[in-house]
Amino acid sequence: MSGRIVILVRHAEAGPPGAGQGDIDRGLTRRGRAQADQLGRWLALREGIAELPVSVSPARRTRETAERALAGWHRRTVSTESRLWNASLGMLLDLLGDATGDRLLIGHNPGLEQLHRAWTGMLLPISVGSAHVLELDADGRARALDRFQPSFDDD
């Protein structure tokens, strides 16, 4: 029997904030938009992901990543989850404890890397635009099933 699937996605590359903007307002760069598009093509090929609930940080870069990566194929509602903004490991564990079933999270580091390490025991960088598919067992340990790393080319 398979366990709960959680997909951790770090937002694609973002530029610096504009004049008068805060960190939460940073949008995707041209490269970041290309990374989000690559991520979307990869996710769309994975069985069952089109039906997963998605939780996204309220930061502009995560919302833009979600819009691009999920466009045209994802069939479920994407909800903004304020607890994903600057989330610590504890906040992420609480968020996922409150939610049931499989889920896709689009958020930020260092929280995503801390969560990955807590669940798998592996210290693995989660770079911008990447996805890590984990299967969680009843004991709160995870097995890495798959991962996606975007190309860093500007094409």
C-alpha atoms as a PDB file:
ATOM      1  CA  MET A   1       0.000   0.000   0.000  1.00  0.00           C
ATOM      2  CA  SER A   2       1.384   3.390  -0.881  1.00  0.00           C
ATOM      3  CA  GLY A   3       1.607   6.259   1.579  1.00  0.00           C
ATOM      4  CA  ARG A   4       0.686   9.910   1.358  1.00  0.00           C
ATOM      5  CA  ILE A   5       2.319  11.793  -1.524  1.00  0.00           C
ATOM      6  CA  VAL A   6       3.664  15.286  -0.859  1.00  0.00           C
ATOM      7  CA  ILE A   7       5.352  17.263  -3.618  1.00  0.00           C
ATOM      8  CA  LEU A   8       7.623  20.063  -2.486  1.00  0.00           C
ATOM      9  CA  VAL A   9       8.157  22.788  -5.093  1.00  0.00           C
ATOM     10  CA  ARG A  10      10.384  25.789  -4.613  1.00  0.00           C
ATOM     11  CA  HIS A  11       9.342  28.857  -6.580  1.00  0.00           C
ATOM     12  CA  ALA A  12      11.225  29.627  -9.785  1.00  0.00           C
ATOM     13  CA  GLU A  13      13.933  32.300  -9.985  1.00  0.00           C
ATOM     14  CA  ALA A  14      12.812  35.728  -8.814  1.00  0.00           C
ATOM     15  CA  GLY A  15      14.328  39.134  -9.331  1.00  0.00           C
ATOM     16  CA  PRO A  16      15.036  41.740  -6.683  1.00  0.00           C
ATOM     17  CA  PRO A  17      12.152  43.830  -5.345  1.00  0.00           C
ATOM     18  CA  GLY A  18      11.390  47.039  -7.186  1.00  0.00           C
ATOM     19  CA  ALA A  19      11.472  50.444  -5.557  1.00  0.00           C
ATOM     20  CA  GLY A  20       9.133  50.471  -2.582  1.00  0.00           C
ATOM     21  CA  GLN A  21       8.415  46.735  -2.787  1.00  0.00           C
ATOM     22  CA  GLY A  22       9.082  44.147  -0.137  1.00  0.00           C
ATOM     23  CA  ASP A  23      10.466  40.632  -0.503  1.00  0.00           C
ATOM     24  CA  ILE A  24       6.938  39.217  -0.809  1.00  0.00           C
ATOM     25  CA  ASP A  25       6.422  41.314  -3.981  1.00  0.00           C
ATOM     26  CA  ARG A  26       9.357  39.905  -5.958  1.00  0.00           C
ATOM     27  CA  GLY A  27       8.245  38.553  -9.335  1.00  0.00           C
ATOM     28  CA  LEU A  28       9.782  35.935 -11.597  1.00  0.00           C
ATOM     29  CA  THR A  29      12.633  36.781 -13.930  1.00  0.00           C
ATOM     30  CA  ARG A  30      12.651  35.726 -17.579  1.00  0.00           C
ATOM     31  CA  ARG A  31      14.673  32.668 -16.534  1.00  0.00           C
ATOM     32  CA  GLY A  32      12.201  32.014 -13.711  1.00  0.00           C
ATOM     33  CA  ARG A  33       9.270  32.046 -16.127  1.00  0.00           C
ATOM     34  CA  ALA A  34      11.105  29.517 -18.318  1.00  0.00           C
ATOM     35  CA  GLN A  35      11.822  27.350 -15.246  1.00  0.00           C
ATOM     36  CA  ALA A  36       8.148  27.428 -14.212  1.00  0.00           C
ATOM     37  CA  ASP A  37       7.165  26.382 -17.738  1.00  0.00           C
ATOM     38  CA  GLN A  38       9.675  23.477 -17.609  1.00  0.00           C
ATOM     39  CA  LEU A  39       8.327  22.472 -14.204  1.00  0.00           C
ATOM     40  CA  GLY A  40       4.790  22.481 -15.580  1.00  0.00           C
ATOM     41  CA  ARG A  41       5.708  20.214 -18.471  1.00  0.00           C
ATOM     42  CA  TRP A  42       7.367  17.770 -16.054  1.00  0.00           C
ATOM     43  CA  LEU A  43       4.491  17.798 -13.555  1.00  0.00           C
ATOM     44  CA  ALA A  44       1.868  17.344 -16.278  1.00  0.00           C
ATOM     45  CA  LEU A  45       3.469  14.016 -17.239  1.00  0.00           C
ATOM     46  CA  ARG A  46       3.178  12.600 -13.697  1.00  0.00           C
ATOM     47  CA  GLU A  47       0.156  10.419 -13.030  1.00  0.00           C
ATOM     48  CA  GLY A  48      -2.423  11.807 -10.600  1.00  0.00           C
ATOM     49  CA  ILE A  49      -0.922  15.251 -10.104  1.00  0.00           C
ATOM     50  CA  ALA A  50      -3.666  16.971 -12.098  1.00  0.00           C
ATOM     51  CA  GLU A  51      -6.064  16.105  -9.258  1.00  0.00           C
ATOM     52  CA  LEU A  52      -3.849  17.099  -6.313  1.00  0.00           C
ATOM     53  CA  PRO A  53      -4.810  20.020  -4.113  1.00  0.00           C
ATOM     54  CA  VAL A  54      -2.164  22.755  -4.304  1.00  0.00           C
ATOM     55  CA  SER A  55      -1.166  25.163  -1.544  1.00  0.00           C
ATOM     56  CA  VAL A  56       0.865  28.220  -2.515  1.00  0.00           C
ATOM     57  CA  SER A  57       2.632  30.873  -0.471  1.00  0.00           C
ATOM     58  CA  PRO A  58       1.137  34.366  -0.894  1.00  0.00           C
ATOM     59  CA  ALA A  59       4.448  35.654  -2.299  1.00  0.00           C
ATOM     60  CA  ARG A  60       4.193  36.910  -5.866  1.00  0.00           C
ATOM     61  CA  ARG A  61       6.973  34.587  -7.085  1.00  0.00           C
ATOM     62  CA  THR A  62       5.203  31.472  -5.791  1.00  0.00           C
ATOM     63  CA  ARG A  63       1.846  32.517  -7.226  1.00  0.00           C
ATOM     64  CA  GLU A  64       3.475  33.233 -10.616  1.00  0.00           C
ATOM     65  CA  THR A  65       5.253  29.872 -10.496  1.00  0.00           C
ATOM     66  CA  ALA A  66       1.927  28.139  -9.808  1.00  0.00           C
ATOM     67  CA  GLU A  67       0.083  30.021 -12.546  1.00  0.00           C
ATOM     68  CA  ARG A  68       2.653  29.091 -15.175  1.00  0.00           C
ATOM     69  CA  ALA A  69       3.420  25.546 -14.005  1.00  0.00           C
ATOM     70  CA  LEU A  70      -0.213  24.454 -13.591  1.00  0.00           C
ATOM     71  CA  ALA A  71      -1.776  26.273 -16.557  1.00  0.00           C
ATOM     72  CA  GLY A  72      -3.820  24.189 -18.941  1.00  0.00           C
ATOM     73  CA  TRP A  73      -3.631  20.798 -17.228  1.00  0.00           C
ATOM     74  CA  HIS A  74      -4.179  21.042 -13.461  1.00  0.00           C
ATOM     75  CA  ARG A  75      -7.852  20.489 -12.551  1.00  0.00           C
ATOM     76  CA  ARG A  76      -8.042  21.310  -8.831  1.00  0.00           C
ATOM     77  CA  THR A  77      -8.264  24.581  -6.953  1.00  0.00           C
ATOM     78  CA  VAL A  78      -5.031  26.291  -6.012  1.00  0.00           C
ATOM     79  CA  SER A  79      -5.274  27.874  -2.576  1.00  0.00           C
ATOM     80  CA  THR A  80      -3.081  30.566  -1.108  1.00  0.00           C
ATOM     81  CA  GLU A  81      -1.767  29.478   2.283  1.00  0.00           C
ATOM     82  CA  SER A  82      -0.330  32.312   4.381  1.00  0.00           C
ATOM     83  CA  ARG A  83       1.577  29.851   6.595  1.00  0.00           C
ATOM     84  CA  LEU A  84       3.844  28.980   3.640  1.00  0.00           C
ATOM     85  CA  TRP A  85       5.366  32.487   3.605  1.00  0.00           C
ATOM     86  CA  ASN A  86       8.731  32.275   5.432  1.00  0.00           C
ATOM     87  CA  ALA A  87       7.596  28.975   6.932  1.00  0.00           C
ATOM     88  CA  SER A  88       9.799  27.246   9.456  1.00  0.00           C
ATOM     89  CA  LEU A  89      10.000  23.472   9.703  1.00  0.00           C
ATOM     90  CA  GLY A  90       7.500  23.528  12.563  1.00  0.00           C
ATOM     91  CA  MET A  91       5.039  25.637  10.597  1.00  0.00           C
ATOM     92  CA  LEU A  92       5.280  23.303   7.591  1.00  0.00           C
ATOM     93  CA  LEU A  93       4.735  20.238   9.773  1.00  0.00           C
ATOM     94  CA  ASP A  94       1.687  21.924  11.342  1.00  0.00           C
ATOM     95  CA  LEU A  95       0.319  22.884   7.927  1.00  0.00           C
ATOM     96  CA  LEU A  96       0.702  19.364   6.576  1.00  0.00           C
ATOM     97  CA  GLY A  97      -0.686  17.902   9.783  1.00  0.00           C
ATOM     98  CA  ASP A  98      -3.822  20.025   9.341  1.00  0.00           C
ATOM     99  CA  ALA A  99      -4.239  18.889   5.724  1.00  0.00           C
ATOM    100  CA  THR A 100      -5.164  15.356   4.794  1.00  0.00           C
ATOM    101  CA  GLY A 101      -4.284  13.341   1.742  1.00  0.00           C
ATOM    102  CA  ASP A 102      -1.811  14.020  -1.003  1.00  0.00           C
ATOM    103  CA  ARG A 103      -0.721  17.615  -1.619  1.00  0.00           C
ATOM    104  CA  LEU A 104       1.538  19.826  -3.700  1.00  0.00           C
ATOM    105  CA  LEU A 105       3.202  22.742  -1.877  1.00  0.00           C
ATOM    106  CA  ILE A 106       4.819  25.703  -3.624  1.00  0.00           C
ATOM    107  CA  GLY A 107       6.960  27.586  -1.145  1.00  0.00           C
ATOM    108  CA  HIS A 108      10.381  28.774  -0.069  1.00  0.00           C
ATOM    109  CA  ASN A 109      13.688  27.791   1.451  1.00  0.00           C
ATOM    110  CA  PRO A 110      15.013  27.169   3.995  1.00  0.00           C
ATOM    111  CA  GLY A 111      11.741  25.615   5.192  1.00  0.00           C
ATOM    112  CA  LEU A 112      11.341  23.211   2.264  1.00  0.00           C
ATOM    113  CA  GLU A 113      14.904  21.903   2.644  1.00  0.00           C
ATOM    114  CA  GLN A 114      14.384  21.502   6.397  1.00  0.00           C
ATOM    115  CA  LEU A 115      11.162  19.565   5.810  1.00  0.00           C
ATOM    116  CA  HIS A 116      12.827  17.329   3.219  1.00  0.00           C
ATOM    117  CA  ARG A 117      15.671  16.585   5.636  1.00  0.00           C
ATOM    118  CA  ALA A 118      13.344  15.939   8.580  1.00  0.00           C
ATOM    119  CA  TRP A 119      11.327  13.445   6.580  1.00  0.00           C
ATOM    120  CA  THR A 120      14.043  11.696   4.562  1.00  0.00           C
ATOM    121  CA  GLY A 121      17.162  12.160   6.682  1.00  0.00           C
ATOM    122  CA  MET A 122      18.931  13.508   3.567  1.00  0.00           C
ATOM    123  CA  LEU A 123      20.359  17.004   3.336  1.00  0.00           C
ATOM    124  CA  LEU A 124      19.560  17.861  -0.264  1.00  0.00           C
ATOM    125  CA  PRO A 125      19.465  21.357  -1.747  1.00  0.00           C
ATOM    126  CA  ILE A 126      16.110  22.382  -3.177  1.00  0.00           C
ATOM    127  CA  SER A 127      16.987  24.893  -5.858  1.00  0.00           C
ATOM    128  CA  VAL A 128      14.666  27.397  -7.517  1.00  0.00           C
ATOM    129  CA  GLY A 129      12.077  25.834  -9.807  1.00  0.00           C
ATOM    130  CA  SER A 130      12.694  22.293  -8.564  1.00  0.00           C
ATOM    131  CA  ALA A 131      10.227  19.673  -7.361  1.00  0.00           C
ATOM    132  CA  HIS A 132      10.697  16.759  -4.965  1.00  0.00           C
ATOM    133  CA  VAL A 133       8.112  13.982  -4.842  1.00  0.00           C
ATOM    134  CA  LEU A 134       8.002  12.250  -1.468  1.00  0.00           C
ATOM    135  CA  GLU A 135       5.955   9.327  -0.179  1.00  0.00           C
ATOM    136  CA  LEU A 136       5.218   9.678   3.521  1.00  0.00           C
ATOM    137  CA  ASP A 137       4.632   6.623   5.682  1.00  0.00           C
ATOM    138  CA  ALA A 138       2.491   6.382   8.813  1.00  0.00           C
ATOM    139  CA  ASP A 139       5.564   6.997  11.007  1.00  0.00           C
ATOM    140  CA  GLY A 140       6.331  10.377   9.435  1.00  0.00           C
ATOM    141  CA  ARG A 141       9.322   9.194   7.418  1.00  0.00           C
ATOM    142  CA  ALA A 142       9.499   9.763   3.707  1.00  0.00           C
ATOM    143  CA  ARG A 143      10.942   8.037   0.714  1.00  0.00           C
ATOM    144  CA  ALA A 144      12.081  10.148  -2.238  1.00  0.00           C
ATOM    145  CA  LEU A 145      10.215   8.958  -5.329  1.00  0.00           C
ATOM    146  CA  ASP A 146      11.236  11.472  -7.970  1.00  0.00           C
ATOM    147  CA  ARG A 147      12.616  14.948  -8.461  1.00  0.00           C
ATOM    148  CA  PHE A 148      12.826  17.616 -11.106  1.00  0.00           C
ATOM    149  CA  GLN A 149      15.630  20.126 -11.607  1.00  0.00           C
ATOM    150  CA  PRO A 150      15.053  22.799 -14.277  1.00  0.00           C
ATOM    151  CA  SER A 151      17.632  23.769 -16.821  1.00  0.00           C
ATOM    152  CA  PHE A 152      19.340  27.015 -15.980  1.00  0.00           C
ATOM    153  CA  ASP A 153      19.658  27.989 -19.635  1.00  0.00           C
ATOM    154  CA  ASP A 154      18.015  31.247 -20.621  1.00  0.00           C
ATOM    155  CA  ASP A 155      16.201  29.565 -23.520  1.00  0.00           C
END
